[in-house]
Each structure stands twice: as C-alpha cells, then as structure tokens.
Amino acid sequence: MPPTSGTGPAAAPGPAARDAESPHASPGTDDAFARATARVPGQAARADTTPRPHLTELRLSAYAGHRATVLRLGPVTLLTGPSGGGKSTALAACAALAALGNGSSLGESFPAPDAAVPETARPDAQQRRGFRIGCVSDGPAGPVRLDLAVQAEPELRVVGERLSGDGVVYLETALRDPARRTVQAAWHTAGNATVTRAPLPDDLLGTTLLPLRVAGRTKEQRRVLAAAEQTVLALRSLFPCVPGPAAMRPPASGGHGLLRSDCANLAEVLHRAARECRTRYGLLEAAVREGCAGPVDGLATELLPGGAVVARLLRPDGPGTPLSRLGDGELRYLAMALVLFTGPGVLDVDPASEVPGALQALTVLADDFDLHLDARQVALLLDLAARMAARGHIRLLGALSRPPATPGGSPDGPQGFPGVRLVEVGTGVRGTPER
C-alpha cells in the first residue's frame, strides 16, 4: 500500500488517574422484569494490570480536514480546540474504524465517503481520490499499527492496508487489478516462503479476516494472529454514546435492557440496574445527588402495565421529578454517569464473546461531551471517568466545546483533573497537538 504520512513519536504514558471510594446505597424492590434479563456484571473494585487491548493512537494521515494528524489516547482523552478544527471528524473516523473492526463493509462504515476525502486531494490519471486513516493498539501483543488507504472516487474500495509491529509487517494488501473486486494480500509466515499470498475482498478490513486464513501452526503465524486479534478486539470495544434528551423523556419501551447509543431507553436500563447491580446503582444515586438541581433522595423506576418503563428523581417532598421534566443537561449527565459506572454490562455493544470480559476494555466515544452541561457537571463526570478508567475496564474518548474548569474554577486542564488528557485539535494545529 502507499506509505502513510505523519508519523509521530511513540505515545507517552498518560498521567496516573486518581482513585477514590464512593458511598454505597441500596434501592428498590425486585420484580419479574429483572429476572427476564441477564445479570449486570459489576466492574472491578480495584485497579489491575491485565493487558487489555485498547487504542493508543488515532492516525489521520489524510482524512477530511486532517493532514498528518496523530492523536495520542490515554485512559481518558478529551479533544479540545476551536469550532471547525476537526474534533467531531476525528471521532467519526474512530467510529468508522470500529465499524470495520466489527465486520461492517466500507459502505456501511463510511456512508458519506466523499466527505472524508481532503479538499486538497487531486485526482490521479484514473480520476481516483481517497483518504488514509489508521490507529495503534496496545495489549498482550505489544504496540500494533494499522494503516488503511481507501479509494472514495469513482467507487469506494480498499486500495491498501498494512498491519505492523515490532519491526514486522504482519499483513499488507494492495490493489493490483482495478477490474477485480479484490486486493492482493500477503501475510507473515514461516518456512521456505516468508509470506503467504491470497486475494481478499476490497470492501472489508483484511485484518478481521486473518483469523479465518491463518492456521497458527508456527510461531510466526501465531504472532500474526495475536496482532490481528488484538487490533480487532480494540476496535470492537468502542461504544459511541450520544445521549439525546428528547429521546430520553418519553417512557421507554421494554426490550433487552441494553443501553442504546442515543440512550433513548435510559429508564429501562435504570430499571434493570436497580435490581441487578445494587451497589453500582447506589453509587449512581450519589452522583445524581451531586449533579442534578435541588435535593435528591434517589432514583426510582416503575414498570407500566403496557410494558413501558418510567423513571424519576426522588425528592424529600412530593412524588418526585420524572425524567420528562428534567433539563437537557441533567438528562445527559445522568446517562453519562450510568455508562461510566456500569460499563459494558448494560451497553448495546457487540463484544467479542470468545474473549472473557475480564480481558476486554470498553472505550466510550462521546462527541459533544459537555453539551448542555454546566462546569460543575463536567468536573464531576471527568473525575468519575478518571476513577473508573483507573480500574482498567473502561476508557473515554470525547470532544469538548470549551476547556473544562477545575473545581477551583480555572481551566487548568490535566492539572485540575488527574488522569485526564487534553489534546488540542485546531485548524492551525496538526501533527501531534498534545497539551
């Protein structure tokens, strides 16, 4: 594949996250609704050092407005910068890579591929234009880099892919014959031939197909499999979270009890969590007391006769405040706190079922992280995210419209929020724009 531009220095380890204990509480009563769903697995109560596959870099060599951009990712990473600087574009690219890692086709992962082509890209003699993106994952196999070159015009297809690490190219593909809907692939092997060659589809990520092609009989083949599986697992563990207040206000219809990306079924998931993960639910109630307006005694849910579920904040006086009456910021705060406290056990994400949950780390993608939130709510969520990320089960990659204010009131960034990495992205900042 064509060489990618914009290589940068190795990612430096992020600052250590602060861990703290939180008060416990016990809510609720039991009913048949909870027994109809699988139990919510609790996150670990302490930090551990299990090497879970995760992304350490997002590489936008030539993608939309980005050129040679390398974003280093820590356990909690927030993109900042002016409007139009490419924060949302970077998160969209990360979500597209996640879709490819889940086995989606190029068309499904990039519904508007023309928008991903840089404005300055000039067509070649065959009138072809495209973009280049990639990432670096870390885990049991060590740092593994994935680079992908995509042709967007005149038709969408992969023209090159490279998976490499530790000085070895594990997989390399290239478009040899434009008349065929395949790319020629070569992966590292052993024996008399140093590589094995075969055609692969030009609309799928070749890395996801390696476990079906490589037997794993030799040491070299097992290295290829380990690198591919680590990359795929890191990509499959991404969950785009875009809470929509308007969608959260009506009663939530009963379903599988897993939180959707828009959090429209927030009340249903609260109903499930109240009965299956009482400790985590108590911690969530404590967070709601700090982040919502007025005195709050707790959270309550109710299963309606038709199967729908409603939720409300309990007040010292009166029947409480239903979700339909909460402000946009309160609803988004509640949804994000639920995601961070409970983790992958209640999210509508497609984890690798063949890998134990203890060996997986979920990364939440949160564009407009601070939308409708005040400075106090942002500070509370960042502190919560850092504490949860320190335990190794969940990570956060989001975008902010403004630098966060510390509890003292000054936008000190990482100094005010231990464990949080701010990365500045702007029209005048490219390469490795890290603060």
Protein backbone atom coordinates (compact mmCIF):
# COMPACT_ATOMS: atom_id res chain seq x y z
CA MET A 1 0.00 0.00 0.00
CA PRO A 2 1.22 3.60 -0.39
CA PRO A 3 3.26 4.77 2.58
CA THR A 4 1.30 6.83 5.07
CA SER A 5 2.49 10.25 6.15
CA GLY A 6 2.52 11.95 9.50
CA THR A 7 4.46 9.52 11.62
CA GLY A 8 5.00 10.79 15.14
CA PRO A 9 6.83 9.88 18.29
CA ALA A 10 5.71 6.97 20.38
CA ALA A 11 2.79 7.68 22.68
CA ALA A 12 3.83 8.71 26.15
CA PRO A 13 2.00 7.21 29.10
CA GLY A 14 -0.77 9.41 30.44
CA PRO A 15 -0.81 10.76 33.97
CA ALA A 16 -1.91 8.43 36.72
CA ALA A 17 -5.60 8.54 37.49
CA ARG A 18 -6.88 9.31 40.95
CA ASP A 19 -8.98 6.60 42.59
CA ALA A 20 -11.39 7.28 45.39
CA GLU A 21 -14.09 5.47 47.29
CA SER A 22 -17.72 6.44 46.94
CA PRO A 23 -20.67 5.92 49.29
CA HIS A 24 -22.88 2.87 48.86
CA ALA A 25 -26.66 2.77 48.82
CA SER A 26 -29.34 0.12 48.28
CA PRO A 27 -32.51 0.83 46.32
CA GLY A 28 -35.57 -0.78 45.04
CA THR A 29 -37.64 -3.93 45.02
CA ASP A 30 -37.49 -7.00 42.82
CA ASP A 31 -39.87 -7.97 40.02
CA ALA A 32 -40.13 -10.34 37.07
CA PHE A 33 -38.66 -7.78 34.67
CA ALA A 34 -35.18 -8.20 36.15
CA ARG A 35 -35.37 -11.99 36.08
CA ALA A 36 -36.06 -11.90 32.33
CA THR A 37 -32.65 -10.42 31.53
CA ALA A 38 -29.05 -11.41 32.17
CA ARG A 39 -27.48 -10.02 35.31
CA VAL A 40 -25.37 -6.89 35.10
CA PRO A 41 -21.70 -7.75 35.69
CA GLY A 42 -20.07 -5.34 38.12
CA GLN A 43 -16.80 -3.66 37.30
CA ALA A 44 -13.70 -4.48 39.30
CA ALA A 45 -13.45 -2.78 42.66
CA ARG A 46 -9.73 -2.11 42.28
CA ALA A 47 -7.20 -1.32 39.62
CA ASP A 48 -5.41 -4.21 37.93
CA THR A 49 -2.65 -4.54 35.38
CA THR A 50 -4.22 -7.06 32.98
CA PRO A 51 -3.08 -6.04 29.45
CA ARG A 52 -6.43 -5.42 27.79
CA PRO A 53 -6.36 -4.47 24.08
CA HIS A 54 -7.03 -0.75 23.61
CA LEU A 55 -6.22 2.07 21.21
CA THR A 56 -3.25 4.31 22.00
CA GLU A 57 -3.19 6.41 18.81
CA LEU A 58 -5.66 7.58 16.19
CA ARG A 59 -3.84 8.39 12.95
CA LEU A 60 -5.48 10.65 10.35
CA SER A 61 -2.84 10.79 7.62
CA ALA A 62 -5.22 12.33 5.08
CA TYR A 63 -8.84 12.48 6.22
CA ALA A 64 -11.28 15.36 5.62
CA GLY A 65 -9.61 18.46 7.13
CA HIS A 66 -6.85 16.49 8.84
CA ARG A 67 -3.38 16.04 7.41
CA ALA A 68 -0.68 14.01 9.19
CA THR A 69 -2.62 14.19 12.46
CA VAL A 70 -1.65 11.80 15.24
CA LEU A 71 -3.83 11.85 18.35
CA ARG A 72 -2.37 10.09 21.36
CA LEU A 73 -5.01 8.45 23.51
CA GLY A 74 -4.89 7.88 27.25
CA PRO A 75 -7.46 6.21 29.54
CA VAL A 76 -9.48 9.47 29.46
CA THR A 77 -8.80 11.68 26.43
CA LEU A 78 -10.73 14.82 25.51
CA LEU A 79 -10.27 16.71 22.26
CA THR A 80 -10.42 20.49 22.55
CA GLY A 81 -10.00 23.35 20.11
CA PRO A 82 -11.96 25.83 18.02
CA SER A 83 -15.13 25.00 16.13
CA GLY A 84 -14.26 23.56 12.74
CA GLY A 85 -10.93 22.23 13.97
CA GLY A 86 -11.86 18.60 13.34
CA LYS A 87 -12.80 17.21 16.75
CA SER A 88 -16.03 15.57 15.58
CA THR A 89 -14.32 14.45 12.37
CA ALA A 90 -11.68 12.61 14.38
CA LEU A 91 -14.31 10.85 16.50
CA ALA A 92 -16.25 9.93 13.35
CA ALA A 93 -13.11 8.38 11.88
CA CYS A 94 -12.60 6.38 15.08
CA ALA A 95 -16.21 5.18 14.95
CA ALA A 96 -15.75 4.14 11.30
CA LEU A 97 -12.67 2.10 12.21
CA ALA A 98 -14.70 0.46 14.97
CA ALA A 99 -17.41 -0.47 12.46
CA LEU A 100 -14.79 -2.01 10.15
CA GLY A 101 -13.40 -3.95 13.09
CA ASN A 102 -16.89 -5.31 13.73
CA GLY A 103 -17.00 -6.68 10.18
CA SER A 104 -19.01 -3.92 8.52
CA SER A 105 -18.32 -3.12 4.89
CA LEU A 106 -16.78 0.13 3.69
CA GLY A 107 -20.18 1.38 2.55
CA GLU A 108 -21.68 0.75 5.98
CA SER A 109 -18.72 2.27 7.81
CA PHE A 110 -18.42 5.35 5.57
CA PRO A 111 -21.96 6.31 4.46
CA ALA A 112 -20.63 9.60 3.01
CA PRO A 113 -17.13 8.73 1.77
CA ASP A 114 -16.78 11.90 -0.33
CA ALA A 115 -16.79 13.95 2.89
CA ALA A 116 -13.75 12.02 4.11
CA VAL A 117 -11.63 12.99 1.09
CA PRO A 118 -9.39 16.01 1.83
CA GLU A 119 -10.40 19.13 -0.10
CA THR A 120 -6.86 19.49 -1.42
CA ALA A 121 -6.72 15.93 -2.79
CA ARG A 122 -6.25 15.91 -6.55
CA PRO A 123 -7.45 13.01 -8.72
CA ASP A 124 -4.86 10.85 -10.46
CA ALA A 125 -4.90 9.84 -14.13
CA GLN A 126 -7.78 7.43 -13.45
CA GLN A 127 -9.73 10.18 -11.61
CA ARG A 128 -9.28 8.42 -8.28
CA ARG A 129 -9.34 10.19 -4.92
CA GLY A 130 -9.40 8.82 -1.41
CA PHE A 131 -8.26 9.10 2.19
CA ARG A 132 -5.91 7.40 4.66
CA ILE A 133 -6.56 6.62 8.32
CA GLY A 134 -5.23 4.24 10.92
CA CYS A 135 -4.63 3.52 14.57
CA VAL A 136 -2.23 1.92 17.02
CA SER A 137 -3.39 -0.64 19.57
CA ASP A 138 -1.60 -1.97 22.61
CA GLY A 139 -2.11 -5.10 24.65
CA PRO A 140 -0.66 -8.60 25.01
CA ALA A 141 0.92 -8.41 21.52
CA GLY A 142 2.60 -5.06 22.19
CA PRO A 143 2.09 -1.95 20.03
CA VAL A 144 0.46 -2.87 16.70
CA ARG A 145 -0.12 -0.29 13.98
CA LEU A 146 -2.91 -0.42 11.38
CA ASP A 147 -2.83 1.80 8.27
CA LEU A 148 -5.65 1.86 5.75
CA ALA A 149 -5.85 3.57 2.35
CA VAL A 150 -9.34 3.89 0.88
CA GLN A 151 -10.41 4.97 -2.59
CA ALA A 152 -13.60 7.03 -2.39
CA GLU A 153 -13.93 8.09 -6.03
CA PRO A 154 -15.01 6.89 -8.54
CA GLU A 155 -16.00 3.88 -6.42
CA LEU A 156 -15.49 3.00 -2.77
CA ARG A 157 -12.88 0.30 -2.17
CA VAL A 158 -9.78 -0.56 -0.16
CA VAL A 159 -6.58 0.08 -2.11
CA GLY A 160 -4.09 -0.79 0.63
CA GLU A 161 -3.81 -1.99 4.20
CA ARG A 162 -0.82 -2.62 6.46
CA LEU A 163 -0.67 -4.25 9.89
CA SER A 164 2.75 -3.98 11.52
CA GLY A 165 4.55 -4.08 14.84
CA ASP A 166 7.92 -4.83 16.40
CA GLY A 167 9.64 -4.29 13.05
CA VAL A 168 7.49 -6.90 11.28
CA VAL A 169 4.82 -6.34 8.62
CA TYR A 170 2.17 -8.86 9.66
CA LEU A 171 -0.21 -8.11 6.79
CA GLU A 172 0.00 -5.99 3.66
CA THR A 173 -2.59 -5.64 0.91
CA ALA A 174 -2.58 -3.71 -2.35
CA LEU A 175 -4.93 -3.17 -5.26
CA ARG A 176 -3.22 -4.81 -8.24
CA ASP A 177 -6.04 -5.16 -10.75
CA PRO A 178 -8.75 -2.45 -10.64
CA ALA A 179 -11.01 -4.67 -12.77
CA ARG A 180 -11.34 -7.17 -9.91
CA ARG A 181 -13.13 -6.57 -6.61
CA THR A 182 -10.20 -7.96 -4.61
CA VAL A 183 -6.87 -6.83 -3.20
CA GLN A 184 -3.73 -8.94 -3.18
CA ALA A 185 -2.81 -9.80 0.41
CA ALA A 186 0.45 -11.08 1.86
CA TRP A 187 0.92 -12.03 5.49
CA HIS A 188 3.96 -13.03 7.50
CA THR A 189 4.53 -16.78 7.83
CA ALA A 190 7.34 -19.31 8.27
CA GLY A 191 9.11 -21.95 6.23
CA ASN A 192 10.71 -21.53 2.83
CA ALA A 193 8.30 -18.71 1.89
CA THR A 194 8.43 -15.69 4.19
CA VAL A 195 4.88 -14.65 3.25
CA THR A 196 1.63 -16.27 2.16
CA ARG A 197 -0.35 -14.58 -0.60
CA ALA A 198 -4.07 -14.70 -1.34
CA PRO A 199 -6.83 -12.38 -2.61
CA LEU A 200 -9.12 -10.67 -0.09
CA PRO A 201 -12.35 -8.66 -0.63
CA ASP A 202 -11.79 -4.96 -1.32
CA ASP A 203 -14.73 -3.78 0.81
CA LEU A 204 -13.72 -5.31 4.16
CA LEU A 205 -10.89 -4.79 6.63
CA GLY A 206 -8.40 -7.54 5.85
CA THR A 207 -7.19 -7.69 9.46
CA THR A 208 -10.57 -9.05 10.55
CA LEU A 209 -10.24 -11.92 8.05
CA LEU A 210 -6.80 -13.14 9.17
CA PRO A 211 -8.11 -15.48 11.91
CA LEU A 212 -10.03 -17.30 9.15
CA ARG A 213 -6.96 -17.61 6.92
CA VAL A 214 -4.03 -18.24 9.27
CA ALA A 215 -3.76 -21.68 10.85
CA GLY A 216 -1.46 -20.67 13.70
CA ARG A 217 0.76 -23.75 13.42
CA THR A 218 4.06 -21.85 13.59
CA LYS A 219 5.42 -19.19 15.92
CA GLU A 220 5.31 -16.58 13.14
CA GLN A 221 1.69 -17.40 12.33
CA ARG A 222 0.74 -17.10 15.97
CA ARG A 223 2.36 -13.65 16.09
CA VAL A 224 0.24 -12.61 13.11
CA LEU A 225 -2.90 -13.93 14.77
CA ALA A 226 -2.08 -12.22 18.07
CA ALA A 227 -1.56 -8.87 16.34
CA ALA A 228 -4.75 -9.18 14.29
CA GLU A 229 -6.89 -10.31 17.21
CA GLN A 230 -5.58 -7.52 19.44
CA THR A 231 -6.39 -4.89 16.80
CA VAL A 232 -9.86 -6.26 16.13
CA LEU A 233 -10.66 -6.54 19.83
CA ALA A 234 -9.52 -2.96 20.46
CA LEU A 235 -11.75 -1.72 17.64
CA ARG A 236 -14.76 -3.83 18.58
CA SER A 237 -14.66 -2.42 22.12
CA LEU A 238 -15.72 1.10 21.05
CA PHE A 239 -19.19 2.39 22.02
CA PRO A 240 -20.41 5.71 20.52
CA CYS A 241 -22.53 7.42 23.18
CA VAL A 242 -24.65 10.40 22.07
CA PRO A 243 -27.37 10.94 24.70
CA GLY A 244 -30.40 12.66 23.20
CA PRO A 245 -32.52 14.42 25.86
CA ALA A 246 -35.65 14.48 23.67
CA ALA A 247 -35.42 10.71 23.19
CA MET A 248 -34.96 10.03 26.92
CA ARG A 249 -38.07 11.89 28.13
CA PRO A 250 -40.89 9.57 26.92
CA PRO A 251 -41.49 6.21 28.66
CA ALA A 252 -39.01 3.59 27.45
CA SER A 253 -40.49 0.52 25.83
CA GLY A 254 -39.36 -2.80 27.29
CA GLY A 255 -36.55 -4.53 25.43
CA HIS A 256 -33.28 -6.35 26.00
CA GLY A 257 -32.16 -3.99 28.76
CA LEU A 258 -29.04 -2.75 26.95
CA LEU A 259 -28.47 0.99 26.62
CA ARG A 260 -28.57 2.26 23.04
CA SER A 261 -26.20 4.90 21.71
CA ASP A 262 -28.83 7.65 21.94
CA CYS A 263 -29.80 6.50 25.47
CA ALA A 264 -33.49 6.57 24.48
CA ASN A 265 -34.14 3.54 26.71
CA LEU A 266 -32.45 5.10 29.75
CA ALA A 267 -35.43 4.39 32.04
CA GLU A 268 -35.46 0.72 31.04
CA VAL A 269 -31.75 0.31 31.80
CA LEU A 270 -32.13 2.11 35.13
CA HIS A 271 -34.96 -0.30 35.97
CA ARG A 272 -32.69 -3.24 35.22
CA ALA A 273 -29.64 -1.87 37.02
CA ALA A 274 -31.66 -1.06 40.16
CA ARG A 275 -32.41 -4.74 40.65
CA GLU A 276 -29.31 -6.44 39.31
CA CYS A 277 -26.41 -4.22 40.40
CA ARG A 278 -27.49 -2.61 43.63
CA THR A 279 -24.06 -1.33 44.67
CA ARG A 280 -23.45 0.40 41.34
CA TYR A 281 -26.96 1.78 41.40
CA GLY A 282 -26.31 3.25 44.83
CA LEU A 283 -23.16 4.94 43.52
CA LEU A 284 -25.18 6.33 40.61
CA GLU A 285 -27.72 7.77 43.04
CA ALA A 286 -24.91 9.50 44.92
CA ALA A 287 -23.64 11.00 41.64
CA VAL A 288 -27.15 12.22 40.78
CA ARG A 289 -27.39 14.00 44.13
CA GLU A 290 -24.27 15.96 43.23
CA GLY A 291 -25.06 16.69 39.59
CA CYS A 292 -28.80 17.43 39.47
CA ALA A 293 -30.59 20.56 40.66
CA GLY A 294 -32.38 20.57 44.00
CA PRO A 295 -32.31 18.00 46.79
CA VAL A 296 -32.38 14.39 45.53
CA ASP A 297 -33.09 11.36 47.72
CA GLY A 298 -32.53 8.77 45.00
CA LEU A 299 -33.75 7.25 41.74
CA ALA A 300 -36.92 5.24 41.25
CA THR A 301 -38.32 3.34 38.27
CA GLU A 302 -41.77 1.96 37.54
CA LEU A 303 -42.93 -0.72 35.12
CA LEU A 304 -46.17 0.42 33.46
CA PRO A 305 -49.00 -2.02 32.57
CA GLY A 306 -48.18 -1.86 28.86
CA GLY A 307 -44.57 -2.87 29.43
CA ALA A 308 -43.04 0.60 29.21
CA VAL A 309 -40.75 1.90 31.95
CA VAL A 310 -40.59 5.37 33.51
CA ALA A 311 -38.03 6.79 35.92
CA ARG A 312 -37.96 9.76 38.27
CA LEU A 313 -35.79 11.52 40.82
CA LEU A 314 -37.00 11.09 44.39
CA ARG A 315 -37.37 14.35 46.33
CA PRO A 316 -37.72 14.92 50.09
CA ASP A 317 -41.19 16.35 49.46
CA GLY A 318 -43.67 15.36 46.78
CA PRO A 319 -43.86 12.44 44.33
CA GLY A 320 -40.53 13.24 42.68
CA THR A 321 -39.45 14.60 39.30
CA PRO A 322 -39.94 12.36 36.23
CA LEU A 323 -37.30 12.25 33.52
CA SER A 324 -39.69 14.13 31.24
CA ARG A 325 -39.28 17.23 33.45
CA LEU A 326 -35.50 17.18 33.80
CA GLY A 327 -33.33 19.63 31.92
CA ASP A 328 -31.24 18.61 28.93
CA GLY A 329 -28.04 18.85 30.95
CA GLU A 330 -29.43 16.75 33.80
CA LEU A 331 -30.50 14.01 31.40
CA ARG A 332 -27.14 13.93 29.64
CA TYR A 333 -25.33 13.92 32.99
CA LEU A 334 -27.46 11.01 34.23
CA ALA A 335 -26.90 8.99 31.06
CA MET A 336 -23.12 9.52 31.02
CA ALA A 337 -22.82 8.69 34.72
CA LEU A 338 -24.75 5.46 34.14
CA VAL A 339 -22.43 4.49 31.27
CA LEU A 340 -19.28 5.17 33.30
CA PHE A 341 -20.49 3.39 36.44
CA THR A 342 -21.93 0.24 34.87
CA GLY A 343 -19.64 -0.23 31.86
CA PRO A 344 -20.11 -2.81 29.09
CA GLY A 345 -22.58 -4.96 31.03
CA VAL A 346 -25.52 -2.68 30.15
CA LEU A 347 -24.43 -1.18 26.82
CA ASP A 348 -25.71 -2.22 23.40
CA VAL A 349 -22.24 -3.11 22.14
CA ASP A 350 -21.03 -6.21 20.29
CA PRO A 351 -18.19 -7.53 22.45
CA ALA A 352 -16.01 -10.47 21.46
CA SER A 353 -17.93 -13.31 23.09
CA GLU A 354 -14.96 -15.66 22.65
CA VAL A 355 -12.81 -13.45 24.92
CA PRO A 356 -13.53 -13.26 28.68
CA GLY A 357 -14.93 -9.93 29.78
CA ALA A 358 -12.05 -9.53 32.25
CA LEU A 359 -9.68 -9.29 29.26
CA GLN A 360 -11.65 -6.57 27.46
CA ALA A 361 -11.71 -2.80 27.98
CA LEU A 362 -14.59 -0.71 26.65
CA THR A 363 -13.88 2.71 25.14
CA VAL A 364 -16.77 5.20 25.15
CA LEU A 365 -16.82 7.68 22.25
CA ALA A 366 -18.57 10.87 23.39
CA ASP A 367 -18.77 13.71 20.90
CA ASP A 368 -20.02 17.00 22.40
CA PHE A 369 -19.23 15.59 25.82
CA ASP A 370 -20.06 18.88 27.56
CA LEU A 371 -23.19 19.69 25.55
CA HIS A 372 -25.86 21.25 27.85
CA LEU A 373 -23.65 20.56 30.90
CA ASP A 374 -22.50 23.25 33.31
CA ALA A 375 -18.92 23.43 34.61
CA ARG A 376 -19.79 21.57 37.81
CA GLN A 377 -21.37 18.64 35.94
CA VAL A 378 -18.40 18.40 33.56
CA ALA A 379 -15.98 18.36 36.50
CA LEU A 380 -17.97 15.63 38.26
CA LEU A 381 -18.09 13.44 35.13
CA LEU A 382 -14.37 13.88 34.43
CA ASP A 383 -13.50 12.90 37.98
CA LEU A 384 -15.78 9.87 37.68
CA ALA A 385 -14.30 8.90 34.30
CA ALA A 386 -10.75 9.08 35.66
CA ARG A 387 -11.63 6.91 38.66
CA MET A 388 -13.41 4.30 36.55
CA ALA A 389 -10.65 4.27 33.91
CA ALA A 390 -8.03 3.66 36.61
CA ARG A 391 -9.65 0.28 37.21
CA GLY A 392 -8.91 -0.80 33.65
CA HIS A 393 -12.37 -1.77 32.41
CA ILE A 394 -13.50 1.41 30.69
CA ARG A 395 -11.87 4.28 28.76
CA LEU A 396 -13.24 7.55 27.39
CA LEU A 397 -12.54 9.46 24.19
CA GLY A 398 -14.61 12.62 23.86
CA ALA A 399 -14.73 16.13 22.47
CA LEU A 400 -15.25 19.37 24.40
CA SER A 401 -16.57 22.66 23.10
CA ARG A 402 -14.54 24.52 25.75
CA PRO A 403 -11.67 23.65 28.12
CA PRO A 404 -13.03 22.23 31.37
CA ALA A 405 -12.96 24.34 34.52
CA THR A 406 -11.43 22.68 37.55
CA PRO A 407 -13.37 22.52 40.83
CA GLY A 408 -11.47 25.70 41.80
CA GLY A 409 -12.85 27.48 38.74
CA SER A 410 -9.78 27.75 36.47
CA PRO A 411 -9.39 25.82 33.20
CA ASP A 412 -6.16 24.10 34.25
CA GLY A 413 -6.80 21.02 32.14
CA PRO A 414 -4.89 17.93 33.22
CA GLN A 415 -3.51 19.68 36.31
CA GLY A 416 -7.02 20.07 37.66
CA PHE A 417 -8.18 16.57 36.63
CA PRO A 418 -5.60 13.86 37.34
CA GLY A 419 -5.87 11.06 34.79
CA VAL A 420 -7.45 13.26 32.08
CA ARG A 421 -5.54 14.05 28.88
CA LEU A 422 -6.48 17.11 26.83
CA VAL A 423 -5.48 17.08 23.15
CA GLU A 424 -5.83 20.34 21.25
CA VAL A 425 -7.16 19.99 17.71
CA GLY A 426 -7.48 23.07 15.52
CA THR A 427 -7.12 24.45 12.03
CA GLY A 428 -3.65 25.73 12.88
CA VAL A 429 -2.54 22.65 14.84
CA ARG A 430 -1.56 19.42 13.11
CA GLY A 431 0.78 16.54 13.75
CA THR A 432 0.88 15.67 17.45
CA PRO A 433 -1.05 18.58 19.01
CA GLU A 434 -0.96 17.46 22.62
CA ARG A 435 -1.32 19.71 25.66
